[in-house]
Amino acid sequence: MAIFLRILLGIAIAFVGFLMVLRTAFFIEYVGTIYWAEVKFGSGGTNLFYKLLGTLVMMLGFMVATNLWEALLGATLGSLFTR
């Protein structure tokens, strides 16, 4: 993937993650509550789940932008998928 496109894609993914953390109420209204999160995390578990998910999405976006995504996949799942 071209470097410019990779950086743009990574920034876009990180921005979506940032919006998930910043505007959690919008995602809860759009997608709905998560029963599992409410049971495991208690009251407000859905908010916490979306914020944690947004943080992970931001990390993924930064990894895509800096080209660390392929290194992570190669180190963790590389032995399962040989070339």
PDB file of N, CA and C in Angstrom:
ATOM      1  N   MET A   1       0.846  -1.165   0.000  1.00  0.00           N
ATOM      2  CA  MET A   1       0.000   0.000   0.000  1.00  0.00           C
ATOM      3  C   MET A   1       0.898   1.235   0.000  1.00  0.00           C
ATOM      4  N   ALA A   2       0.521   2.234  -0.757  1.00  0.00           N
ATOM      5  CA  ALA A   2       1.307   3.456  -0.831  1.00  0.00           C
ATOM      6  C   ALA A   2       1.340   4.146   0.528  1.00  0.00           C
ATOM      7  N   ILE A   3       2.441   4.808   0.801  1.00  0.00           N
ATOM      8  CA  ILE A   3       2.630   5.405   2.123  1.00  0.00           C
ATOM      9  C   ILE A   3       1.577   6.474   2.411  1.00  0.00           C
ATOM     10  N   PHE A   4       1.241   7.287   1.414  1.00  0.00           N
ATOM     11  CA  PHE A   4       0.256   8.348   1.619  1.00  0.00           C
ATOM     12  C   PHE A   4      -1.113   7.762   1.933  1.00  0.00           C
ATOM     13  N   LEU A   5      -1.502   6.738   1.201  1.00  0.00           N
ATOM     14  CA  LEU A   5      -2.796   6.097   1.436  1.00  0.00           C
ATOM     15  C   LEU A   5      -2.820   5.400   2.791  1.00  0.00           C
ATOM     16  N   ARG A   6      -1.720   4.771   3.170  1.00  0.00           N
ATOM     17  CA  ARG A   6      -1.644   4.094   4.460  1.00  0.00           C
ATOM     18  C   ARG A   6      -1.793   5.077   5.611  1.00  0.00           C
ATOM     19  N   ILE A   7      -1.140   6.225   5.501  1.00  0.00           N
ATOM     20  CA  ILE A   7      -1.231   7.235   6.557  1.00  0.00           C
ATOM     21  C   ILE A   7      -2.640   7.799   6.632  1.00  0.00           C
ATOM     22  N   LEU A   8      -3.247   8.076   5.476  1.00  0.00           N
ATOM     23  CA  LEU A   8      -4.627   8.584   5.474  1.00  0.00           C
ATOM     24  C   LEU A   8      -5.602   7.574   6.072  1.00  0.00           C
ATOM     25  N   LEU A   9      -5.455   6.323   5.706  1.00  0.00           N
ATOM     26  CA  LEU A   9      -6.325   5.281   6.245  1.00  0.00           C
ATOM     27  C   LEU A   9      -6.136   5.142   7.756  1.00  0.00           C
ATOM     28  N   GLY A  10      -4.903   5.171   8.215  1.00  0.00           N
ATOM     29  CA  GLY A  10      -4.631   5.073   9.648  1.00  0.00           C
ATOM     30  C   GLY A  10      -5.210   6.236  10.423  1.00  0.00           C
ATOM     31  N   ILE A  11      -5.094   7.436   9.883  1.00  0.00           N
ATOM     32  CA  ILE A  11      -5.662   8.608  10.554  1.00  0.00           C
ATOM     33  C   ILE A  11      -7.179   8.520  10.577  1.00  0.00           C
ATOM     34  N   ALA A  12      -7.790   8.043   9.498  1.00  0.00           N
ATOM     35  CA  ALA A  12      -9.251   7.900   9.469  1.00  0.00           C
ATOM     36  C   ALA A  12      -9.723   6.871  10.502  1.00  0.00           C
ATOM     37  N   ILE A  13      -9.019   5.758  10.614  1.00  0.00           N
ATOM     38  CA  ILE A  13      -9.386   4.736  11.602  1.00  0.00           C
ATOM     39  C   ILE A  13      -9.217   5.290  13.014  1.00  0.00           C
ATOM     40  N   ALA A  14      -8.121   6.001  13.263  1.00  0.00           N
ATOM     41  CA  ALA A  14      -7.893   6.586  14.585  1.00  0.00           C
ATOM     42  C   ALA A  14      -8.954   7.633  14.905  1.00  0.00           C
ATOM     43  N   PHE A  15      -9.401   8.374  13.904  1.00  0.00           N
ATOM     44  CA  PHE A  15     -10.439   9.387  14.120  1.00  0.00           C
ATOM     45  C   PHE A  15     -11.767   8.741  14.495  1.00  0.00           C
ATOM     46  N   VAL A  16     -12.103   7.630  13.858  1.00  0.00           N
ATOM     47  CA  VAL A  16     -13.330   6.907  14.226  1.00  0.00           C
ATOM     48  C   VAL A  16     -13.232   6.418  15.669  1.00  0.00           C
ATOM     49  N   GLY A  17     -12.084   5.915  16.065  1.00  0.00           N
ATOM     50  CA  GLY A  17     -11.888   5.502  17.452  1.00  0.00           C
ATOM     51  C   GLY A  17     -12.008   6.667  18.413  1.00  0.00           C
ATOM     52  N   PHE A  18     -11.469   7.815  18.027  1.00  0.00           N
ATOM     53  CA  PHE A  18     -11.583   9.017  18.853  1.00  0.00           C
ATOM     54  C   PHE A  18     -13.040   9.430  19.010  1.00  0.00           C
ATOM     55  N   LEU A  19     -13.807   9.346  17.927  1.00  0.00           N
ATOM     56  CA  LEU A  19     -15.234   9.671  18.016  1.00  0.00           C
ATOM     57  C   LEU A  19     -15.974   8.687  18.910  1.00  0.00           C
ATOM     58  N   MET A  20     -15.556   7.424  18.892  1.00  0.00           N
ATOM     59  CA  MET A  20     -16.194   6.439  19.771  1.00  0.00           C
ATOM     60  C   MET A  20     -15.966   6.785  21.237  1.00  0.00           C
ATOM     61  N   VAL A  21     -14.797   7.308  21.555  1.00  0.00           N
ATOM     62  CA  VAL A  21     -14.508   7.688  22.936  1.00  0.00           C
ATOM     63  C   VAL A  21     -15.202   9.000  23.284  1.00  0.00           C
ATOM     64  N   LEU A  22     -15.179   9.948  22.363  1.00  0.00           N
ATOM     65  CA  LEU A  22     -15.722  11.276  22.635  1.00  0.00           C
ATOM     66  C   LEU A  22     -17.245  11.289  22.642  1.00  0.00           C
ATOM     67  N   ARG A  23     -17.867  10.635  21.682  1.00  0.00           N
ATOM     68  CA  ARG A  23     -19.325  10.658  21.519  1.00  0.00           C
ATOM     69  C   ARG A  23     -19.915   9.268  21.738  1.00  0.00           C
ATOM     70  N   THR A  24     -19.712   8.734  22.913  1.00  0.00           N
ATOM     71  CA  THR A  24     -20.187   7.391  23.229  1.00  0.00           C
ATOM     72  C   THR A  24     -21.704   7.301  23.171  1.00  0.00           C
ATOM     73  N   ALA A  25     -22.391   8.365  23.590  1.00  0.00           N
ATOM     74  CA  ALA A  25     -23.859   8.359  23.609  1.00  0.00           C
ATOM     75  C   ALA A  25     -24.424   8.167  22.200  1.00  0.00           C
ATOM     76  N   PHE A  26     -23.792   8.744  21.189  1.00  0.00           N
ATOM     77  CA  PHE A  26     -24.260   8.576  19.813  1.00  0.00           C
ATOM     78  C   PHE A  26     -24.183   7.115  19.393  1.00  0.00           C
ATOM     79  N   PHE A  27     -23.082   6.453  19.721  1.00  0.00           N
ATOM     80  CA  PHE A  27     -22.935   5.050  19.341  1.00  0.00           C
ATOM     81  C   PHE A  27     -23.910   4.163  20.102  1.00  0.00           C
ATOM     82  N   ILE A  28     -24.196   4.515  21.354  1.00  0.00           N
ATOM     83  CA  ILE A  28     -25.169   3.734  22.120  1.00  0.00           C
ATOM     84  C   ILE A  28     -26.559   3.894  21.523  1.00  0.00           C
ATOM     85  N   GLU A  29     -26.915   5.114  21.099  1.00  0.00           N
ATOM     86  CA  GLU A  29     -28.217   5.329  20.463  1.00  0.00           C
ATOM     87  C   GLU A  29     -28.301   4.622  19.116  1.00  0.00           C
ATOM     88  N   TYR A  30     -27.208   4.623  18.367  1.00  0.00           N
ATOM     89  CA  TYR A  30     -27.209   4.048  17.026  1.00  0.00           C
ATOM     90  C   TYR A  30     -27.171   2.519  17.061  1.00  0.00           C
ATOM     91  N   VAL A  31     -26.303   1.949  17.888  1.00  0.00           N
ATOM     92  CA  VAL A  31     -26.120   0.499  17.934  1.00  0.00           C
ATOM     93  C   VAL A  31     -26.954  -0.133  19.038  1.00  0.00           C
ATOM     94  N   GLY A  32     -27.062   0.541  20.169  1.00  0.00           N
ATOM     95  CA  GLY A  32     -27.824   0.012  21.290  1.00  0.00           C
ATOM     96  C   GLY A  32     -26.915  -0.445  22.409  1.00  0.00           C
ATOM     97  N   THR A  33     -27.540  -0.831  23.515  1.00  0.00           N
ATOM     98  CA  THR A  33     -26.757  -1.286  24.657  1.00  0.00           C
ATOM     99  C   THR A  33     -26.264  -2.712  24.431  1.00  0.00           C
ATOM    100  N   ILE A  34     -25.231  -3.060  25.144  1.00  0.00           N
ATOM    101  CA  ILE A  34     -24.640  -4.387  25.040  1.00  0.00           C
ATOM    102  C   ILE A  34     -24.916  -5.108  26.351  1.00  0.00           C
ATOM    103  N   TYR A  35     -25.736  -6.126  26.286  1.00  0.00           N
ATOM    104  CA  TYR A  35     -26.164  -6.838  27.490  1.00  0.00           C
ATOM    105  C   TYR A  35     -24.981  -7.442  28.227  1.00  0.00           C
ATOM    106  N   TRP A  36     -24.059  -8.057  27.485  1.00  0.00           N
ATOM    107  CA  TRP A  36     -22.897  -8.688  28.101  1.00  0.00           C
ATOM    108  C   TRP A  36     -22.083  -7.682  28.914  1.00  0.00           C
ATOM    109  N   ALA A  37     -21.886  -6.482  28.359  1.00  0.00           N
ATOM    110  CA  ALA A  37     -21.101  -5.462  29.056  1.00  0.00           C
ATOM    111  C   ALA A  37     -21.816  -4.982  30.312  1.00  0.00           C
ATOM    112  N   GLU A  38     -23.130  -4.872  30.250  1.00  0.00           N
ATOM    113  CA  GLU A  38     -23.882  -4.441  31.429  1.00  0.00           C
ATOM    114  C   GLU A  38     -23.797  -5.484  32.541  1.00  0.00           C
ATOM    115  N   VAL A  39     -23.813  -6.756  32.171  1.00  0.00           N
ATOM    116  CA  VAL A  39     -23.732  -7.818  33.179  1.00  0.00           C
ATOM    117  C   VAL A  39     -22.327  -7.895  33.771  1.00  0.00           C
ATOM    118  N   LYS A  40     -21.308  -7.876  32.924  1.00  0.00           N
ATOM    119  CA  LYS A  40     -19.931  -8.066  33.393  1.00  0.00           C
ATOM    120  C   LYS A  40     -19.357  -6.825  34.071  1.00  0.00           C
ATOM    121  N   PHE A  41     -19.632  -5.639  33.540  1.00  0.00           N
ATOM    122  CA  PHE A  41     -19.050  -4.408  34.064  1.00  0.00           C
ATOM    123  C   PHE A  41     -19.975  -3.664  35.013  1.00  0.00           C
ATOM    124  N   GLY A  42     -21.210  -4.092  35.132  1.00  0.00           N
ATOM    125  CA  GLY A  42     -22.163  -3.420  36.010  1.00  0.00           C
ATOM    126  C   GLY A  42     -22.855  -2.273  35.293  1.00  0.00           C
ATOM    127  N   SER A  43     -23.459  -1.406  36.078  1.00  0.00           N
ATOM    128  CA  SER A  43     -24.177  -0.269  35.514  1.00  0.00           C
ATOM    129  C   SER A  43     -23.205   0.640  34.763  1.00  0.00           C
ATOM    130  N   GLY A  44     -23.569   1.037  33.563  1.00  0.00           N
ATOM    131  CA  GLY A  44     -22.683   1.840  32.731  1.00  0.00           C
ATOM    132  C   GLY A  44     -21.651   1.020  31.994  1.00  0.00           C
ATOM    133  N   GLY A  45     -21.837  -0.277  31.945  1.00  0.00           N
ATOM    134  CA  GLY A  45     -20.881  -1.149  31.281  1.00  0.00           C
ATOM    135  C   GLY A  45     -20.800  -0.919  29.785  1.00  0.00           C
ATOM    136  N   THR A  46     -21.934  -0.540  29.188  1.00  0.00           N
ATOM    137  CA  THR A  46     -21.932  -0.268  27.754  1.00  0.00           C
ATOM    138  C   THR A  46     -21.062   0.940  27.441  1.00  0.00           C
ATOM    139  N   ASN A  47     -21.160   1.989  28.266  1.00  0.00           N
ATOM    140  CA  ASN A  47     -20.303   3.163  28.071  1.00  0.00           C
ATOM    141  C   ASN A  47     -18.832   2.779  28.149  1.00  0.00           C
ATOM    142  N   LEU A  48     -18.492   2.015  29.164  1.00  0.00           N
ATOM    143  CA  LEU A  48     -17.106   1.586  29.338  1.00  0.00           C
ATOM    144  C   LEU A  48     -16.644   0.737  28.158  1.00  0.00           C
ATOM    145  N   PHE A  49     -17.502  -0.170  27.688  1.00  0.00           N
ATOM    146  CA  PHE A  49     -17.144  -1.040  26.573  1.00  0.00           C
ATOM    147  C   PHE A  49     -16.860  -0.233  25.311  1.00  0.00           C
ATOM    148  N   TYR A  50     -17.730   0.740  25.000  1.00  0.00           N
ATOM    149  CA  TYR A  50     -17.513   1.549  23.802  1.00  0.00           C
ATOM    150  C   TYR A  50     -16.260   2.408  23.930  1.00  0.00           C
ATOM    151  N   LYS A  51     -15.960   2.897  25.123  1.00  0.00           N
ATOM    152  CA  LYS A  51     -14.746   3.685  25.309  1.00  0.00           C
ATOM    153  C   LYS A  51     -13.492   2.811  25.163  1.00  0.00           C
ATOM    154  N   LEU A  52     -13.530   1.604  25.717  1.00  0.00           N
ATOM    155  CA  LEU A  52     -12.396   0.690  25.550  1.00  0.00           C
ATOM    156  C   LEU A  52     -12.235   0.279  24.089  1.00  0.00           C
ATOM    157  N   LEU A  53     -13.349   0.001  23.426  1.00  0.00           N
ATOM    158  CA  LEU A  53     -13.301  -0.361  22.009  1.00  0.00           C
ATOM    159  C   LEU A  53     -12.763   0.797  21.171  1.00  0.00           C
ATOM    160  N   GLY A  54     -13.186   2.016  21.482  1.00  0.00           N
ATOM    161  CA  GLY A  54     -12.675   3.189  20.776  1.00  0.00           C
ATOM    162  C   GLY A  54     -11.184   3.370  20.972  1.00  0.00           C
ATOM    163  N   THR A  55     -10.704   3.103  22.175  1.00  0.00           N
ATOM    164  CA  THR A  55      -9.270   3.195  22.444  1.00  0.00           C
ATOM    165  C   THR A  55      -8.502   2.156  21.632  1.00  0.00           C
ATOM    166  N   LEU A  56      -9.032   0.944  21.557  1.00  0.00           N
ATOM    167  CA  LEU A  56      -8.385  -0.096  20.748  1.00  0.00           C
ATOM    168  C   LEU A  56      -8.400   0.263  19.264  1.00  0.00           C
ATOM    169  N   VAL A  57      -9.500   0.846  18.791  1.00  0.00           N
ATOM    170  CA  VAL A  57      -9.584   1.256  17.386  1.00  0.00           C
ATOM    171  C   VAL A  57      -8.576   2.368  17.102  1.00  0.00           C
ATOM    172  N   MET A  58      -8.414   3.304  18.044  1.00  0.00           N
ATOM    173  CA  MET A  58      -7.400   4.350  17.858  1.00  0.00           C
ATOM    174  C   MET A  58      -6.001   3.747  17.775  1.00  0.00           C
ATOM    175  N   MET A  59      -5.707   2.797  18.647  1.00  0.00           N
ATOM    176  CA  MET A  59      -4.395   2.138  18.606  1.00  0.00           C
ATOM    177  C   MET A  59      -4.190   1.430  17.271  1.00  0.00           C
ATOM    178  N   LEU A  60      -5.223   0.766  16.788  1.00  0.00           N
ATOM    179  CA  LEU A  60      -5.152   0.099  15.493  1.00  0.00           C
ATOM    180  C   LEU A  60      -4.886   1.107  14.382  1.00  0.00           C
ATOM    181  N   GLY A  61      -5.557   2.252  14.430  1.00  0.00           N
ATOM    182  CA  GLY A  61      -5.346   3.289  13.421  1.00  0.00           C
ATOM    183  C   GLY A  61      -3.921   3.806  13.411  1.00  0.00           C
ATOM    184  N   PHE A  62      -3.362   4.030  14.597  1.00  0.00           N
ATOM    185  CA  PHE A  62      -1.975   4.487  14.660  1.00  0.00           C
ATOM    186  C   PHE A  62      -1.013   3.405  14.187  1.00  0.00           C
ATOM    187  N   MET A  63      -1.348   2.151  14.445  1.00  0.00           N
ATOM    188  CA  MET A  63      -0.501   1.055  13.972  1.00  0.00           C
ATOM    189  C   MET A  63      -0.540   0.947  12.451  1.00  0.00           C
ATOM    190  N   VAL A  64      -1.701   1.172  11.862  1.00  0.00           N
ATOM    191  CA  VAL A  64      -1.808   1.149  10.400  1.00  0.00           C
ATOM    192  C   VAL A  64      -1.021   2.315   9.810  1.00  0.00           C
ATOM    193  N   ALA A  65      -1.148   3.499  10.408  1.00  0.00           N
ATOM    194  CA  ALA A  65      -0.471   4.684   9.878  1.00  0.00           C
ATOM    195  C   ALA A  65       1.045   4.560   9.954  1.00  0.00           C
ATOM    196  N   THR A  66       1.560   3.915  10.987  1.00  0.00           N
ATOM    197  CA  THR A  66       3.010   3.799  11.152  1.00  0.00           C
ATOM    198  C   THR A  66       3.567   2.479  10.628  1.00  0.00           C
ATOM    199  N   ASN A  67       2.736   1.688   9.991  1.00  0.00           N
ATOM    200  CA  ASN A  67       3.117   0.419   9.379  1.00  0.00           C
ATOM    201  C   ASN A  67       3.578  -0.614  10.409  1.00  0.00           C
ATOM    202  N   LEU A  68       3.062  -0.543  11.626  1.00  0.00           N
ATOM    203  CA  LEU A  68       3.367  -1.545  12.640  1.00  0.00           C
ATOM    204  C   LEU A  68       2.348  -2.674  12.637  1.00  0.00           C
ATOM    205  N   TRP A  69       1.266  -2.514  11.904  1.00  0.00           N
ATOM    206  CA  TRP A  69       0.197  -3.509  11.862  1.00  0.00           C
ATOM    207  C   TRP A  69       0.708  -4.820  11.277  1.00  0.00           C
ATOM    208  N   GLU A  70       1.450  -4.748  10.191  1.00  0.00           N
ATOM    209  CA  GLU A  70       1.969  -5.964   9.568  1.00  0.00           C
ATOM    210  C   GLU A  70       2.987  -6.656  10.472  1.00  0.00           C
ATOM    211  N   ALA A  71       3.786  -5.885  11.185  1.00  0.00           N
ATOM    212  CA  ALA A  71       4.762  -6.479  12.108  1.00  0.00           C
ATOM    213  C   ALA A  71       4.059  -7.185  13.262  1.00  0.00           C
ATOM    214  N   LEU A  72       2.985  -6.594  13.769  1.00  0.00           N
ATOM    215  CA  LEU A  72       2.236  -7.224  14.856  1.00  0.00           C
ATOM    216  C   LEU A  72       1.583  -8.515  14.388  1.00  0.00           C
ATOM    217  N   LEU A  73       0.963  -8.475  13.224  1.00  0.00           N
ATOM    218  CA  LEU A  73       0.334  -9.690  12.704  1.00  0.00           C
ATOM    219  C   LEU A  73       1.369 -10.769  12.416  1.00  0.00           C
ATOM    220  N   GLY A  74       2.517 -10.374  11.893  1.00  0.00           N
ATOM    221  CA  GLY A  74       3.564 -11.347  11.619  1.00  0.00           C
ATOM    222  C   GLY A  74       4.121 -11.978  12.884  1.00  0.00           C
ATOM    223  N   ALA A  75       4.219 -11.187  13.946  1.00  0.00           N
ATOM    224  CA  ALA A  75       4.768 -11.705  15.200  1.00  0.00           C
ATOM    225  C   ALA A  75       3.769 -12.576  15.945  1.00  0.00           C
ATOM    226  N   THR A  76       2.482 -12.271  15.829  1.00  0.00           N
ATOM    227  CA  THR A  76       1.487 -13.025  16.599  1.00  0.00           C
ATOM    228  C   THR A  76       0.870 -14.169  15.808  1.00  0.00           C
ATOM    229  N   LEU A  77       0.499 -13.913  14.571  1.00  0.00           N
ATOM    230  CA  LEU A  77      -0.186 -14.929  13.775  1.00  0.00           C
ATOM    231  C   LEU A  77       0.648 -15.441  12.606  1.00  0.00           C
ATOM    232  N   GLY A  78       1.892 -15.015  12.529  1.00  0.00           N
ATOM    233  CA  GLY A  78       2.736 -15.375  11.397  1.00  0.00           C
ATOM    234  C   GLY A  78       3.002 -16.862  11.268  1.00  0.00           C
ATOM    235  N   SER A  79       3.062 -17.559  12.380  1.00  0.00           N
ATOM    236  CA  SER A  79       3.334 -18.995  12.312  1.00  0.00           C
ATOM    237  C   SER A  79       2.130 -19.781  11.800  1.00  0.00           C
ATOM    238  N   LEU A  80       0.945 -19.207  11.914  1.00  0.00           N
ATOM    239  CA  LEU A  80      -0.256 -19.894  11.424  1.00  0.00           C
ATOM    240  C   LEU A  80      -0.417 -19.771   9.917  1.00  0.00           C
ATOM    241  N   PHE A  81      -0.003 -18.629   9.371  1.00  0.00           N
ATOM    242  CA  PHE A  81      -0.178 -18.360   7.949  1.00  0.00           C
ATOM    243  C   PHE A  81       1.189 -18.190   7.307  1.00  0.00           C
ATOM    244  N   THR A  82       1.691 -19.241   6.697  1.00  0.00           N
ATOM    245  CA  THR A  82       2.999 -19.167   6.058  1.00  0.00           C
ATOM    246  C   THR A  82       2.847 -18.627   4.647  1.00  0.00           C
ATOM    247  N   ARG A  83       3.919 -18.052   4.140  1.00  0.00           N
ATOM    248  CA  ARG A  83       3.891 -17.491   2.784  1.00  0.00           C
ATOM    249  C   ARG A  83       4.374 -18.490   1.792  1.00  0.00           C
TER     250      ARG A  83
END
